[in-house]
N, C-alpha and C. Protein backbone atom coordinates (compact mmCIF):
# COMPACT_ATOMS: atom_id res chain seq x y z
N MET A 1 0.84 -1.17 0.00
CA MET A 1 0.00 0.00 0.00
C MET A 1 0.89 1.25 0.00
N GLU A 2 0.56 2.22 -0.84
CA GLU A 2 1.32 3.47 -0.92
C GLU A 2 1.03 4.35 0.28
N PRO A 3 2.06 5.06 0.78
CA PRO A 3 1.81 5.99 1.89
C PRO A 3 0.82 7.07 1.45
N MET A 4 0.01 7.49 2.40
CA MET A 4 -0.98 8.52 2.11
C MET A 4 -0.48 9.84 2.68
N ARG A 5 -0.64 10.89 1.93
CA ARG A 5 -0.28 12.23 2.38
C ARG A 5 -1.56 13.06 2.36
N VAL A 6 -1.92 13.62 3.51
CA VAL A 6 -3.12 14.42 3.64
C VAL A 6 -2.73 15.82 4.09
N GLN A 7 -3.19 16.82 3.34
CA GLN A 7 -2.93 18.20 3.73
C GLN A 7 -4.25 18.85 4.12
N ILE A 8 -4.25 19.45 5.31
CA ILE A 8 -5.41 20.19 5.81
C ILE A 8 -4.87 21.56 6.20
N GLY A 9 -5.24 22.57 5.43
CA GLY A 9 -4.67 23.89 5.66
C GLY A 9 -3.16 23.79 5.54
N PRO A 10 -2.42 24.36 6.49
CA PRO A 10 -0.96 24.30 6.42
C PRO A 10 -0.38 22.99 6.97
N LEU A 11 -1.22 22.12 7.53
CA LEU A 11 -0.75 20.89 8.16
C LEU A 11 -0.68 19.76 7.15
N ILE A 12 0.45 19.02 7.18
CA ILE A 12 0.63 17.88 6.29
C ILE A 12 0.81 16.64 7.14
N PHE A 13 -0.05 15.66 6.93
CA PHE A 13 0.00 14.40 7.66
C PHE A 13 0.46 13.31 6.70
N ASP A 14 1.45 12.53 7.12
CA ASP A 14 1.99 11.51 6.22
C ASP A 14 1.65 10.08 6.66
N HIS A 15 0.88 9.93 7.71
CA HIS A 15 0.39 8.63 8.14
C HIS A 15 -1.11 8.75 8.41
N ALA A 16 -1.87 7.79 7.91
CA ALA A 16 -3.31 7.81 8.12
C ALA A 16 -3.79 6.38 8.39
N ASP A 17 -4.68 6.26 9.35
CA ASP A 17 -5.34 4.99 9.65
C ASP A 17 -6.83 5.28 9.76
N TYR A 18 -7.63 4.42 9.15
CA TYR A 18 -9.08 4.62 9.18
C TYR A 18 -9.75 3.41 9.80
N ASP A 19 -10.56 3.64 10.82
CA ASP A 19 -11.37 2.61 11.45
C ASP A 19 -12.77 2.72 10.84
N ALA A 20 -13.05 1.88 9.85
CA ALA A 20 -14.32 1.95 9.13
C ALA A 20 -15.51 1.64 10.03
N GLU A 21 -15.36 0.70 10.94
CA GLU A 21 -16.46 0.34 11.83
C GLU A 21 -16.86 1.52 12.73
N GLY A 22 -15.86 2.24 13.26
CA GLY A 22 -16.14 3.37 14.13
C GLY A 22 -16.22 4.69 13.38
N ASP A 23 -15.88 4.69 12.08
CA ASP A 23 -15.83 5.89 11.25
C ASP A 23 -14.94 6.95 11.88
N VAL A 24 -13.71 6.52 12.21
CA VAL A 24 -12.73 7.42 12.82
C VAL A 24 -11.47 7.40 11.95
N LEU A 25 -11.00 8.59 11.58
CA LEU A 25 -9.79 8.73 10.79
C LEU A 25 -8.70 9.29 11.70
N TYR A 26 -7.59 8.57 11.76
CA TYR A 26 -6.44 8.99 12.57
C TYR A 26 -5.36 9.48 11.62
N LEU A 27 -4.96 10.74 11.76
CA LEU A 27 -3.91 11.32 10.94
C LEU A 27 -2.73 11.65 11.84
N HIS A 28 -1.50 11.39 11.32
CA HIS A 28 -0.29 11.61 12.11
C HIS A 28 0.77 12.29 11.26
N VAL A 29 1.58 13.11 11.92
CA VAL A 29 2.80 13.66 11.32
C VAL A 29 3.91 12.72 11.77
N GLY A 30 4.47 11.96 10.83
CA GLY A 30 5.45 10.94 11.20
C GLY A 30 4.75 9.77 11.87
N GLU A 31 5.53 8.92 12.48
CA GLU A 31 4.97 7.76 13.19
C GLU A 31 4.15 8.25 14.39
N PRO A 32 3.05 7.57 14.73
CA PRO A 32 2.27 7.97 15.89
C PRO A 32 3.14 7.97 17.16
N VAL A 33 2.99 9.01 17.96
CA VAL A 33 3.74 9.15 19.22
C VAL A 33 2.77 9.56 20.32
N ASP A 34 3.23 9.44 21.57
CA ASP A 34 2.43 9.94 22.69
C ASP A 34 2.25 11.43 22.51
N ALA A 35 1.04 11.90 22.74
CA ALA A 35 0.74 13.31 22.54
C ALA A 35 -0.38 13.73 23.49
N GLU A 36 -0.52 15.03 23.65
CA GLU A 36 -1.60 15.59 24.45
C GLU A 36 -2.75 15.93 23.53
N GLY A 37 -3.96 15.48 23.87
CA GLY A 37 -5.12 15.72 23.02
C GLY A 37 -5.99 16.84 23.54
N GLU A 38 -6.58 17.55 22.61
CA GLU A 38 -7.52 18.62 22.94
C GLU A 38 -8.70 18.53 21.98
N GLU A 39 -9.90 18.47 22.54
CA GLU A 39 -11.09 18.36 21.69
C GLU A 39 -11.38 19.69 21.00
N THR A 40 -11.75 19.60 19.73
CA THR A 40 -12.11 20.79 18.97
C THR A 40 -13.60 21.09 19.19
N PRO A 41 -14.04 22.29 18.84
CA PRO A 41 -15.47 22.60 18.95
C PRO A 41 -16.35 21.67 18.11
N GLU A 42 -15.76 21.07 17.06
CA GLU A 42 -16.52 20.17 16.17
C GLU A 42 -16.55 18.73 16.68
N GLY A 43 -15.84 18.43 17.79
CA GLY A 43 -15.85 17.09 18.35
C GLY A 43 -14.71 16.20 17.91
N HIS A 44 -13.75 16.73 17.17
CA HIS A 44 -12.55 15.98 16.78
C HIS A 44 -11.50 16.17 17.88
N VAL A 45 -10.34 15.52 17.74
CA VAL A 45 -9.27 15.68 18.72
C VAL A 45 -7.99 16.07 18.00
N VAL A 46 -7.41 17.20 18.43
CA VAL A 46 -6.11 17.64 17.93
C VAL A 46 -5.07 17.11 18.90
N ARG A 47 -4.01 16.52 18.36
CA ARG A 47 -2.96 15.96 19.21
C ARG A 47 -1.70 16.80 19.06
N PHE A 48 -1.18 17.29 20.21
CA PHE A 48 -0.01 18.16 20.24
C PHE A 48 1.18 17.42 20.84
N GLU A 49 2.38 17.77 20.35
CA GLU A 49 3.60 17.32 20.98
C GLU A 49 3.56 17.83 22.42
N PRO A 50 3.83 16.96 23.41
CA PRO A 50 3.71 17.38 24.81
C PRO A 50 4.48 18.68 25.11
N GLY A 51 3.80 19.59 25.78
CA GLY A 51 4.41 20.85 26.19
C GLY A 51 4.54 21.89 25.09
N THR A 52 3.98 21.61 23.90
CA THR A 52 4.07 22.55 22.79
C THR A 52 2.70 22.71 22.13
N GLN A 53 2.65 23.58 21.15
CA GLN A 53 1.44 23.72 20.33
C GLN A 53 1.68 23.11 18.94
N ARG A 54 2.72 22.28 18.80
CA ARG A 54 3.02 21.63 17.52
C ARG A 54 2.05 20.46 17.31
N VAL A 55 1.25 20.55 16.27
CA VAL A 55 0.28 19.49 15.96
C VAL A 55 1.02 18.28 15.40
N VAL A 56 0.79 17.11 16.03
CA VAL A 56 1.40 15.87 15.56
C VAL A 56 0.34 14.86 15.13
N GLY A 57 -0.94 15.21 15.31
CA GLY A 57 -1.98 14.29 14.88
C GLY A 57 -3.37 14.88 15.01
N LEU A 58 -4.29 14.26 14.30
CA LEU A 58 -5.71 14.60 14.37
C LEU A 58 -6.49 13.31 14.43
N THR A 59 -7.51 13.28 15.25
CA THR A 59 -8.46 12.18 15.28
C THR A 59 -9.79 12.76 14.82
N LEU A 60 -10.25 12.33 13.67
CA LEU A 60 -11.47 12.88 13.07
C LEU A 60 -12.62 11.90 13.28
N ILE A 61 -13.58 12.32 14.09
CA ILE A 61 -14.72 11.49 14.46
C ILE A 61 -15.81 11.64 13.39
N ASN A 62 -16.39 10.51 12.96
CA ASN A 62 -17.44 10.48 11.93
C ASN A 62 -16.95 11.10 10.61
N ALA A 63 -15.71 10.84 10.27
CA ALA A 63 -15.08 11.45 9.10
C ALA A 63 -15.86 11.16 7.81
N ARG A 64 -16.14 9.91 7.51
CA ARG A 64 -16.83 9.56 6.27
C ARG A 64 -18.26 10.10 6.27
N SER A 65 -18.94 9.96 7.41
CA SER A 65 -20.32 10.45 7.50
C SER A 65 -20.40 11.95 7.23
N LEU A 66 -19.48 12.71 7.83
CA LEU A 66 -19.47 14.16 7.62
C LEU A 66 -19.12 14.52 6.18
N LEU A 67 -18.14 13.82 5.60
CA LEU A 67 -17.79 14.09 4.19
C LEU A 67 -18.95 13.75 3.27
N ASP A 68 -19.62 12.63 3.53
CA ASP A 68 -20.77 12.25 2.69
C ASP A 68 -21.90 13.26 2.83
N ARG A 69 -22.13 13.72 4.04
CA ARG A 69 -23.24 14.64 4.30
C ARG A 69 -22.94 16.07 3.83
N ASP A 70 -21.74 16.57 4.19
CA ASP A 70 -21.41 17.98 3.96
C ASP A 70 -20.43 18.23 2.83
N GLY A 71 -19.72 17.16 2.41
CA GLY A 71 -18.69 17.33 1.38
C GLY A 71 -17.41 17.94 1.90
N ARG A 72 -17.30 18.12 3.21
CA ARG A 72 -16.11 18.71 3.81
C ARG A 72 -16.08 18.42 5.30
N LEU A 73 -14.90 18.63 5.89
CA LEU A 73 -14.72 18.54 7.34
C LEU A 73 -14.27 19.91 7.83
N ILE A 74 -14.78 20.34 8.94
CA ILE A 74 -14.33 21.58 9.57
C ILE A 74 -13.57 21.17 10.83
N ILE A 75 -12.36 21.71 11.00
CA ILE A 75 -11.52 21.38 12.14
C ILE A 75 -10.90 22.67 12.67
N THR A 76 -11.04 22.93 13.95
CA THR A 76 -10.44 24.11 14.56
C THR A 76 -9.18 23.68 15.29
N VAL A 77 -7.99 24.12 14.80
CA VAL A 77 -6.70 23.67 15.36
C VAL A 77 -5.60 24.73 15.35
N PRO A 78 -5.46 25.63 16.19
CA PRO A 78 -6.44 26.41 16.91
C PRO A 78 -7.18 27.37 16.00
N GLU A 79 -6.77 27.47 14.75
CA GLU A 79 -7.56 28.24 13.79
C GLU A 79 -8.44 27.28 13.02
N THR A 80 -9.51 27.74 12.39
CA THR A 80 -10.40 26.86 11.66
C THR A 80 -9.79 26.51 10.31
N LEU A 81 -9.75 25.20 10.01
CA LEU A 81 -9.25 24.69 8.74
C LEU A 81 -10.37 23.92 8.07
N GLU A 82 -10.31 23.77 6.75
CA GLU A 82 -11.34 23.04 6.03
C GLU A 82 -10.68 22.03 5.10
N ALA A 83 -11.25 20.85 5.02
CA ALA A 83 -10.77 19.82 4.11
C ALA A 83 -11.97 19.33 3.30
N SER A 84 -11.77 19.13 2.01
CA SER A 84 -12.83 18.62 1.13
C SER A 84 -12.40 17.30 0.54
N ALA A 85 -13.39 16.47 0.23
CA ALA A 85 -13.12 15.22 -0.45
C ALA A 85 -12.86 15.52 -1.92
N PRO A 86 -11.91 14.81 -2.54
CA PRO A 86 -11.68 15.01 -3.96
C PRO A 86 -12.91 14.62 -4.76
N THR A 87 -13.20 15.35 -5.81
CA THR A 87 -14.33 15.02 -6.67
C THR A 87 -13.85 14.09 -7.77
N SER A 88 -14.69 13.13 -8.11
CA SER A 88 -14.31 12.18 -9.17
C SER A 88 -15.05 12.47 -10.43
């Protein structure tokens, strides 16, 4: 399987794992590491390098459902970013 690269605003994630049963998308910068999580106003979780504001991961809850319904995801980290599904 080819590595996946996901860009959301200025953030680039090079590791992604999707739990289809739970509809949760886990995005990471580099290999997953221990991090401090903070819930966004939209119900997702931003993961920061401990003691910093450097984003090292995102946990997107109901990712597929939201993309299917709205065509995009809204994530506040700490500024609001938007991601859209590619159109085919």
